[in-house]
Amino acid sequence: MASQSSSRDTALLRVALVLFFVGVIAVIAAYVVFALGHEPPLSLYLTAIACPVGLVLAIVFALRSGRRVREGE
C-alpha cells in the first residue's frame, strides 16, 4: 500500500513539474510574440495558466510528503 501511495505522489510531482514548465514556456512565448509586435493569441494566455497550477500541485506534493515522513517517526 505504501508503494502505491509513493507512486501516486511521484506521479503528482511529475505532473506538477510538466505543468509548471509548460506554463513558463508559454509565458516566455507570450513575451516574445508581444515583442515582435503581434498580439498573443488567447490560447497562449490560457496555456500560461499551467504555471500556477503546476506550482500549486508541487506545494500539495511537498505537504503530503512532509506529513508522510512525520507519521513514520
PDB file of N, CA and C in Angstrom:
ATOM      1  N   MET A   1       0.814  -1.184   0.000  1.00  0.00           N
ATOM      2  CA  MET A   1       0.000   0.000   0.000  1.00  0.00           C
ATOM      3  C   MET A   1       0.868   1.262   0.000  1.00  0.00           C
ATOM      4  N   ALA A   2       1.977   1.218   0.707  1.00  0.00           N
ATOM      5  CA  ALA A   2       2.848   2.389   0.776  1.00  0.00           C
ATOM      6  C   ALA A   2       3.487   2.676  -0.576  1.00  0.00           C
ATOM      7  N   SER A   3       3.830   1.628  -1.327  1.00  0.00           N
ATOM      8  CA  SER A   3       4.460   1.857  -2.626  1.00  0.00           C
ATOM      9  C   SER A   3       3.466   2.454  -3.613  1.00  0.00           C
ATOM     10  N   GLN A   4       2.181   2.087  -3.493  1.00  0.00           N
ATOM     11  CA  GLN A   4       1.168   2.658  -4.378  1.00  0.00           C
ATOM     12  C   GLN A   4       0.998   4.146  -4.076  1.00  0.00           C
ATOM     13  N   SER A   5       0.995   4.526  -2.818  1.00  0.00           N
ATOM     14  CA  SER A   5       0.888   5.924  -2.433  1.00  0.00           C
ATOM     15  C   SER A   5       2.122   6.691  -2.894  1.00  0.00           C
ATOM     16  N   SER A   6       3.286   6.076  -2.746  1.00  0.00           N
ATOM     17  CA  SER A   6       4.525   6.707  -3.183  1.00  0.00           C
ATOM     18  C   SER A   6       4.531   6.896  -4.690  1.00  0.00           C
ATOM     19  N   SER A   7       4.022   5.927  -5.420  1.00  0.00           N
ATOM     20  CA  SER A   7       3.977   6.032  -6.868  1.00  0.00           C
ATOM     21  C   SER A   7       3.014   7.130  -7.304  1.00  0.00           C
ATOM     22  N   ARG A   8       1.889   7.275  -6.601  1.00  0.00           N
ATOM     23  CA  ARG A   8       0.958   8.363  -6.919  1.00  0.00           C
ATOM     24  C   ARG A   8       1.570   9.710  -6.602  1.00  0.00           C
ATOM     25  N   ASP A   9       2.312   9.802  -5.497  1.00  0.00           N
ATOM     26  CA  ASP A   9       2.970  11.063  -5.154  1.00  0.00           C
ATOM     27  C   ASP A   9       4.025  11.426  -6.178  1.00  0.00           C
ATOM     28  N   THR A  10       4.770  10.432  -6.640  1.00  0.00           N
ATOM     29  CA  THR A  10       5.778  10.689  -7.655  1.00  0.00           C
ATOM     30  C   THR A  10       5.124  11.147  -8.950  1.00  0.00           C
ATOM     31  N   ALA A  11       3.999  10.549  -9.300  1.00  0.00           N
ATOM     32  CA  ALA A  11       3.265  10.975 -10.495  1.00  0.00           C
ATOM     33  C   ALA A  11       2.759  12.399 -10.321  1.00  0.00           C
ATOM     34  N   LEU A  12       2.312  12.748  -9.117  1.00  0.00           N
ATOM     35  CA  LEU A  12       1.849  14.106  -8.850  1.00  0.00           C
ATOM     36  C   LEU A  12       2.979  15.109  -9.049  1.00  0.00           C
ATOM     37  N   LEU A  13       4.161  14.771  -8.589  1.00  0.00           N
ATOM     38  CA  LEU A  13       5.302  15.668  -8.754  1.00  0.00           C
ATOM     39  C   LEU A  13       5.659  15.822 -10.228  1.00  0.00           C
ATOM     40  N   ARG A  14       5.643  14.732 -10.969  1.00  0.00           N
ATOM     41  CA  ARG A  14       5.957  14.817 -12.397  1.00  0.00           C
ATOM     42  C   ARG A  14       4.942  15.681 -13.139  1.00  0.00           C
ATOM     43  N   VAL A  15       3.665  15.501 -12.833  1.00  0.00           N
ATOM     44  CA  VAL A  15       2.626  16.313 -13.472  1.00  0.00           C
ATOM     45  C   VAL A  15       2.817  17.786 -13.107  1.00  0.00           C
ATOM     46  N   ALA A  16       3.139  18.045 -11.841  1.00  0.00           N
ATOM     47  CA  ALA A  16       3.357  19.421 -11.394  1.00  0.00           C
ATOM     48  C   ALA A  16       4.524  20.062 -12.137  1.00  0.00           C
ATOM     49  N   LEU A  17       5.609  19.331 -12.284  1.00  0.00           N
ATOM     50  CA  LEU A  17       6.776  19.878 -12.980  1.00  0.00           C
ATOM     51  C   LEU A  17       6.493  20.133 -14.454  1.00  0.00           C
ATOM     52  N   VAL A  18       5.801  19.205 -15.091  1.00  0.00           N
ATOM     53  CA  VAL A  18       5.478  19.381 -16.510  1.00  0.00           C
ATOM     54  C   VAL A  18       4.574  20.594 -16.704  1.00  0.00           C
ATOM     55  N   LEU A  19       3.538  20.706 -15.879  1.00  0.00           N
ATOM     56  CA  LEU A  19       2.634  21.852 -15.996  1.00  0.00           C
ATOM     57  C   LEU A  19       3.363  23.163 -15.735  1.00  0.00           C
ATOM     58  N   PHE A  20       4.225  23.179 -14.734  1.00  0.00           N
ATOM     59  CA  PHE A  20       4.956  24.401 -14.413  1.00  0.00           C
ATOM     60  C   PHE A  20       5.837  24.836 -15.583  1.00  0.00           C
ATOM     61  N   PHE A  21       6.587  23.900 -16.148  1.00  0.00           N
ATOM     62  CA  PHE A  21       7.494  24.277 -17.226  1.00  0.00           C
ATOM     63  C   PHE A  21       6.757  24.601 -18.525  1.00  0.00           C
ATOM     64  N   VAL A  22       5.641  23.942 -18.782  1.00  0.00           N
ATOM     65  CA  VAL A  22       4.823  24.310 -19.944  1.00  0.00           C
ATOM     66  C   VAL A  22       4.305  25.734 -19.777  1.00  0.00           C
ATOM     67  N   GLY A  23       3.883  26.064 -18.568  1.00  0.00           N
ATOM     68  CA  GLY A  23       3.414  27.424 -18.293  1.00  0.00           C
ATOM     69  C   GLY A  23       4.513  28.460 -18.444  1.00  0.00           C
ATOM     70  N   VAL A  24       5.705  28.139 -17.965  1.00  0.00           N
ATOM     71  CA  VAL A  24       6.828  29.078 -18.097  1.00  0.00           C
ATOM     72  C   VAL A  24       7.163  29.306 -19.574  1.00  0.00           C
ATOM     73  N   ILE A  25       7.162  28.243 -20.353  1.00  0.00           N
ATOM     74  CA  ILE A  25       7.436  28.376 -21.784  1.00  0.00           C
ATOM     75  C   ILE A  25       6.359  29.216 -22.461  1.00  0.00           C
ATOM     76  N   ALA A  26       5.104  29.042 -22.047  1.00  0.00           N
ATOM     77  CA  ALA A  26       4.014  29.835 -22.616  1.00  0.00           C
ATOM     78  C   ALA A  26       4.156  31.313 -22.252  1.00  0.00           C
ATOM     79  N   VAL A  27       4.578  31.602 -21.040  1.00  0.00           N
ATOM     80  CA  VAL A  27       4.786  32.994 -20.632  1.00  0.00           C
ATOM     81  C   VAL A  27       5.906  33.619 -21.451  1.00  0.00           C
ATOM     82  N   ILE A  28       6.998  32.896 -21.624  1.00  0.00           N
ATOM     83  CA  ILE A  28       8.113  33.403 -22.426  1.00  0.00           C
ATOM     84  C   ILE A  28       7.677  33.606 -23.869  1.00  0.00           C
ATOM     85  N   ALA A  29       6.910  32.661 -24.404  1.00  0.00           N
ATOM     86  CA  ALA A  29       6.426  32.790 -25.781  1.00  0.00           C
ATOM     87  C   ALA A  29       5.510  33.998 -25.933  1.00  0.00           C
ATOM     88  N   ALA A  30       4.681  34.269 -24.932  1.00  0.00           N
ATOM     89  CA  ALA A  30       3.795  35.434 -24.989  1.00  0.00           C
ATOM     90  C   ALA A  30       4.605  36.721 -25.033  1.00  0.00           C
ATOM     91  N   TYR A  31       5.661  36.795 -24.236  1.00  0.00           N
ATOM     92  CA  TYR A  31       6.524  37.974 -24.265  1.00  0.00           C
ATOM     93  C   TYR A  31       7.215  38.126 -25.619  1.00  0.00           C
ATOM     94  N   VAL A  32       7.681  37.032 -26.171  1.00  0.00           N
ATOM     95  CA  VAL A  32       8.371  37.080 -27.462  1.00  0.00           C
ATOM     96  C   VAL A  32       7.411  37.524 -28.564  1.00  0.00           C
ATOM     97  N   VAL A  33       6.211  36.955 -28.570  1.00  0.00           N
ATOM     98  CA  VAL A  33       5.219  37.336 -29.584  1.00  0.00           C
ATOM     99  C   VAL A  33       4.872  38.807 -29.447  1.00  0.00           C
ATOM    100  N   PHE A  34       4.710  39.276 -28.215  1.00  0.00           N
ATOM    101  CA  PHE A  34       4.390  40.684 -27.999  1.00  0.00           C
ATOM    102  C   PHE A  34       5.550  41.578 -28.414  1.00  0.00           C
ATOM    103  N   ALA A  35       6.784  41.146 -28.147  1.00  0.00           N
ATOM    104  CA  ALA A  35       7.956  41.938 -28.516  1.00  0.00           C
ATOM    105  C   ALA A  35       8.117  42.034 -30.030  1.00  0.00           C
ATOM    106  N   LEU A  36       7.609  41.047 -30.756  1.00  0.00           N
ATOM    107  CA  LEU A  36       7.679  41.084 -32.213  1.00  0.00           C
ATOM    108  C   LEU A  36       6.584  41.959 -32.823  1.00  0.00           C
ATOM    109  N   GLY A  37       5.736  42.532 -31.978  1.00  0.00           N
ATOM    110  CA  GLY A  37       4.734  43.460 -32.449  1.00  0.00           C
ATOM    111  C   GLY A  37       3.387  42.851 -32.762  1.00  0.00           C
ATOM    112  N   HIS A  38       3.147  41.637 -32.311  1.00  0.00           N
ATOM    113  CA  HIS A  38       1.869  40.976 -32.552  1.00  0.00           C
ATOM    114  C   HIS A  38       1.128  40.791 -31.234  1.00  0.00           C
ATOM    115  N   GLU A  39      -0.169  40.612 -31.322  1.00  0.00           N
ATOM    116  CA  GLU A  39      -0.974  40.312 -30.135  1.00  0.00           C
ATOM    117  C   GLU A  39      -0.937  38.806 -29.899  1.00  0.00           C
ATOM    118  N   PRO A  40      -0.516  38.377 -28.709  1.00  0.00           N
ATOM    119  CA  PRO A  40      -0.510  36.930 -28.430  1.00  0.00           C
ATOM    120  C   PRO A  40      -1.930  36.370 -28.461  1.00  0.00           C
ATOM    121  N   PRO A  41      -2.102  35.169 -28.988  1.00  0.00           N
ATOM    122  CA  PRO A  41      -3.450  34.583 -29.039  1.00  0.00           C
ATOM    123  C   PRO A  41      -3.941  34.178 -27.647  1.00  0.00           C
ATOM    124  N   LEU A  42      -5.239  34.045 -27.540  1.00  0.00           N
ATOM    125  CA  LEU A  42      -5.862  33.661 -26.275  1.00  0.00           C
ATOM    126  C   LEU A  42      -5.352  32.298 -25.809  1.00  0.00           C
ATOM    127  N   SER A  43      -5.111  31.402 -26.739  1.00  0.00           N
ATOM    128  CA  SER A  43      -4.639  30.064 -26.361  1.00  0.00           C
ATOM    129  C   SER A  43      -3.289  30.126 -25.636  1.00  0.00           C
ATOM    130  N   LEU A  44      -2.467  31.091 -25.991  1.00  0.00           N
ATOM    131  CA  LEU A  44      -1.175  31.241 -25.319  1.00  0.00           C
ATOM    132  C   LEU A  44      -1.377  31.707 -23.883  1.00  0.00           C
ATOM    133  N   TYR A  45      -2.297  32.617 -23.688  1.00  0.00           N
ATOM    134  CA  TYR A  45      -2.598  33.071 -22.329  1.00  0.00           C
ATOM    135  C   TYR A  45      -3.197  31.946 -21.490  1.00  0.00           C
ATOM    136  N   LEU A  46      -4.071  31.168 -22.093  1.00  0.00           N
ATOM    137  CA  LEU A  46      -4.682  30.056 -21.363  1.00  0.00           C
ATOM    138  C   LEU A  46      -3.659  28.977 -21.019  1.00  0.00           C
ATOM    139  N   THR A  47      -2.702  28.765 -21.909  1.00  0.00           N
ATOM    140  CA  THR A  47      -1.642  27.800 -21.631  1.00  0.00           C
ATOM    141  C   THR A  47      -0.743  28.285 -20.502  1.00  0.00           C
ATOM    142  N   ALA A  48      -0.578  29.589 -20.392  1.00  0.00           N
ATOM    143  CA  ALA A  48       0.260  30.159 -19.328  1.00  0.00           C
ATOM    144  C   ALA A  48      -0.330  29.899 -17.944  1.00  0.00           C
ATOM    145  N   ILE A  49      -1.624  29.605 -17.869  1.00  0.00           N
ATOM    146  CA  ILE A  49      -2.256  29.300 -16.586  1.00  0.00           C
ATOM    147  C   ILE A  49      -1.686  28.002 -16.004  1.00  0.00           C
ATOM    148  N   ALA A  50      -1.074  27.179 -16.834  1.00  0.00           N
ATOM    149  CA  ALA A  50      -0.486  25.925 -16.350  1.00  0.00           C
ATOM    150  C   ALA A  50       0.631  26.175 -15.338  1.00  0.00           C
ATOM    151  N   CYS A  51       1.269  27.325 -15.409  1.00  0.00           N
ATOM    152  CA  CYS A  51       2.374  27.621 -14.489  1.00  0.00           C
ATOM    153  C   CYS A  51       1.911  27.680 -13.026  1.00  0.00           C
ATOM    154  N   PRO A  52       0.923  28.504 -12.680  1.00  0.00           N
ATOM    155  CA  PRO A  52       0.493  28.491 -11.274  1.00  0.00           C
ATOM    156  C   PRO A  52      -0.194  27.193 -10.851  1.00  0.00           C
ATOM    157  N   VAL A  53      -0.850  26.513 -11.793  1.00  0.00           N
ATOM    158  CA  VAL A  53      -1.468  25.224 -11.456  1.00  0.00           C
ATOM    159  C   VAL A  53      -0.377  24.218 -11.078  1.00  0.00           C
ATOM    160  N   GLY A  54       0.706  24.193 -11.845  1.00  0.00           N
ATOM    161  CA  GLY A  54       1.829  23.313 -11.520  1.00  0.00           C
ATOM    162  C   GLY A  54       2.470  23.670 -10.193  1.00  0.00           C
ATOM    163  N   LEU A  55       2.551  24.959  -9.897  1.00  0.00           N
ATOM    164  CA  LEU A  55       3.118  25.388  -8.622  1.00  0.00           C
ATOM    165  C   LEU A  55       2.256  24.923  -7.451  1.00  0.00           C
ATOM    166  N   VAL A  56       0.955  25.046  -7.589  1.00  0.00           N
ATOM    167  CA  VAL A  56       0.047  24.591  -6.528  1.00  0.00           C
ATOM    168  C   VAL A  56       0.161  23.083  -6.335  1.00  0.00           C
ATOM    169  N   LEU A  57       0.226  22.329  -7.428  1.00  0.00           N
ATOM    170  CA  LEU A  57       0.368  20.878  -7.312  1.00  0.00           C
ATOM    171  C   LEU A  57       1.695  20.499  -6.647  1.00  0.00           C
ATOM    172  N   ALA A  58       2.758  21.242  -6.930  1.00  0.00           N
ATOM    173  CA  ALA A  58       4.041  20.965  -6.292  1.00  0.00           C
ATOM    174  C   ALA A  58       3.980  21.246  -4.793  1.00  0.00           C
ATOM    175  N   ILE A  59       3.260  22.282  -4.408  1.00  0.00           N
ATOM    176  CA  ILE A  59       3.088  22.579  -2.984  1.00  0.00           C
ATOM    177  C   ILE A  59       2.289  21.469  -2.306  1.00  0.00           C
ATOM    178  N   VAL A  60       1.249  20.990  -2.980  1.00  0.00           N
ATOM    179  CA  VAL A  60       0.463  19.876  -2.442  1.00  0.00           C
ATOM    180  C   VAL A  60       1.350  18.647  -2.265  1.00  0.00           C
ATOM    181  N   PHE A  61       2.198  18.375  -3.244  1.00  0.00           N
ATOM    182  CA  PHE A  61       3.123  17.236  -3.127  1.00  0.00           C
ATOM    183  C   PHE A  61       4.045  17.404  -1.926  1.00  0.00           C
ATOM    184  N   ALA A  62       4.595  18.606  -1.756  1.00  0.00           N
ATOM    185  CA  ALA A  62       5.515  18.844  -0.643  1.00  0.00           C
ATOM    186  C   ALA A  62       4.816  18.666   0.702  1.00  0.00           C
ATOM    187  N   LEU A  63       3.594  19.136   0.804  1.00  0.00           N
ATOM    188  CA  LEU A  63       2.871  18.986   2.061  1.00  0.00           C
ATOM    189  C   LEU A  63       2.524  17.530   2.346  1.00  0.00           C
ATOM    190  N   ARG A  64       2.117  16.797   1.311  1.00  0.00           N
ATOM    191  CA  ARG A  64       1.783  15.379   1.502  1.00  0.00           C
ATOM    192  C   ARG A  64       3.011  14.564   1.867  1.00  0.00           C
ATOM    193  N   SER A  65       4.133  14.816   1.223  1.00  0.00           N
ATOM    194  CA  SER A  65       5.330  14.023   1.514  1.00  0.00           C
ATOM    195  C   SER A  65       5.899  14.379   2.882  1.00  0.00           C
ATOM    196  N   GLY A  66       5.744  15.623   3.317  1.00  0.00           N
ATOM    197  CA  GLY A  66       6.207  16.014   4.645  1.00  0.00           C
ATOM    198  C   GLY A  66       5.395  15.357   5.738  1.00  0.00           C
ATOM    199  N   ARG A  67       4.111  15.227   5.539  1.00  0.00           N
ATOM    200  CA  ARG A  67       3.253  14.559   6.527  1.00  0.00           C
ATOM    201  C   ARG A  67       3.574  13.088   6.639  1.00  0.00           C
ATOM    202  N   ARG A  68       3.881  12.471   5.494  1.00  0.00           N
ATOM    203  CA  ARG A  68       4.174  11.044   5.500  1.00  0.00           C
ATOM    204  C   ARG A  68       5.433  10.760   6.313  1.00  0.00           C
ATOM    205  N   VAL A  69       6.432  11.609   6.234  1.00  0.00           N
ATOM    206  CA  VAL A  69       7.676  11.381   6.958  1.00  0.00           C
ATOM    207  C   VAL A  69       7.434  11.522   8.462  1.00  0.00           C
ATOM    208  N   ARG A  70       6.644  12.488   8.880  1.00  0.00           N
ATOM    209  CA  ARG A  70       6.387  12.684  10.299  1.00  0.00           C
ATOM    210  C   ARG A  70       5.548  11.556  10.898  1.00  0.00           C
ATOM    211  N   GLU A  71       4.645  10.991  10.123  1.00  0.00           N
ATOM    212  CA  GLU A  71       3.824   9.898  10.637  1.00  0.00           C
ATOM    213  C   GLU A  71       4.662   8.655  10.913  1.00  0.00           C
ATOM    214  N   GLY A  72       5.730   8.463  10.184  1.00  0.00           N
ATOM    215  CA  GLY A  72       6.559   7.272  10.358  1.00  0.00           C
ATOM    216  C   GLY A  72       7.459   7.316  11.574  1.00  0.00           C
ATOM    217  N   GLU A  73       7.641   8.472  12.158  1.00  0.00           N
ATOM    218  CA  GLU A  73       8.537   8.589  13.296  1.00  0.00           C
ATOM    219  C   GLU A  73       7.949   8.058  14.581  1.00  0.00           C
TER     220      GLU A  73
END
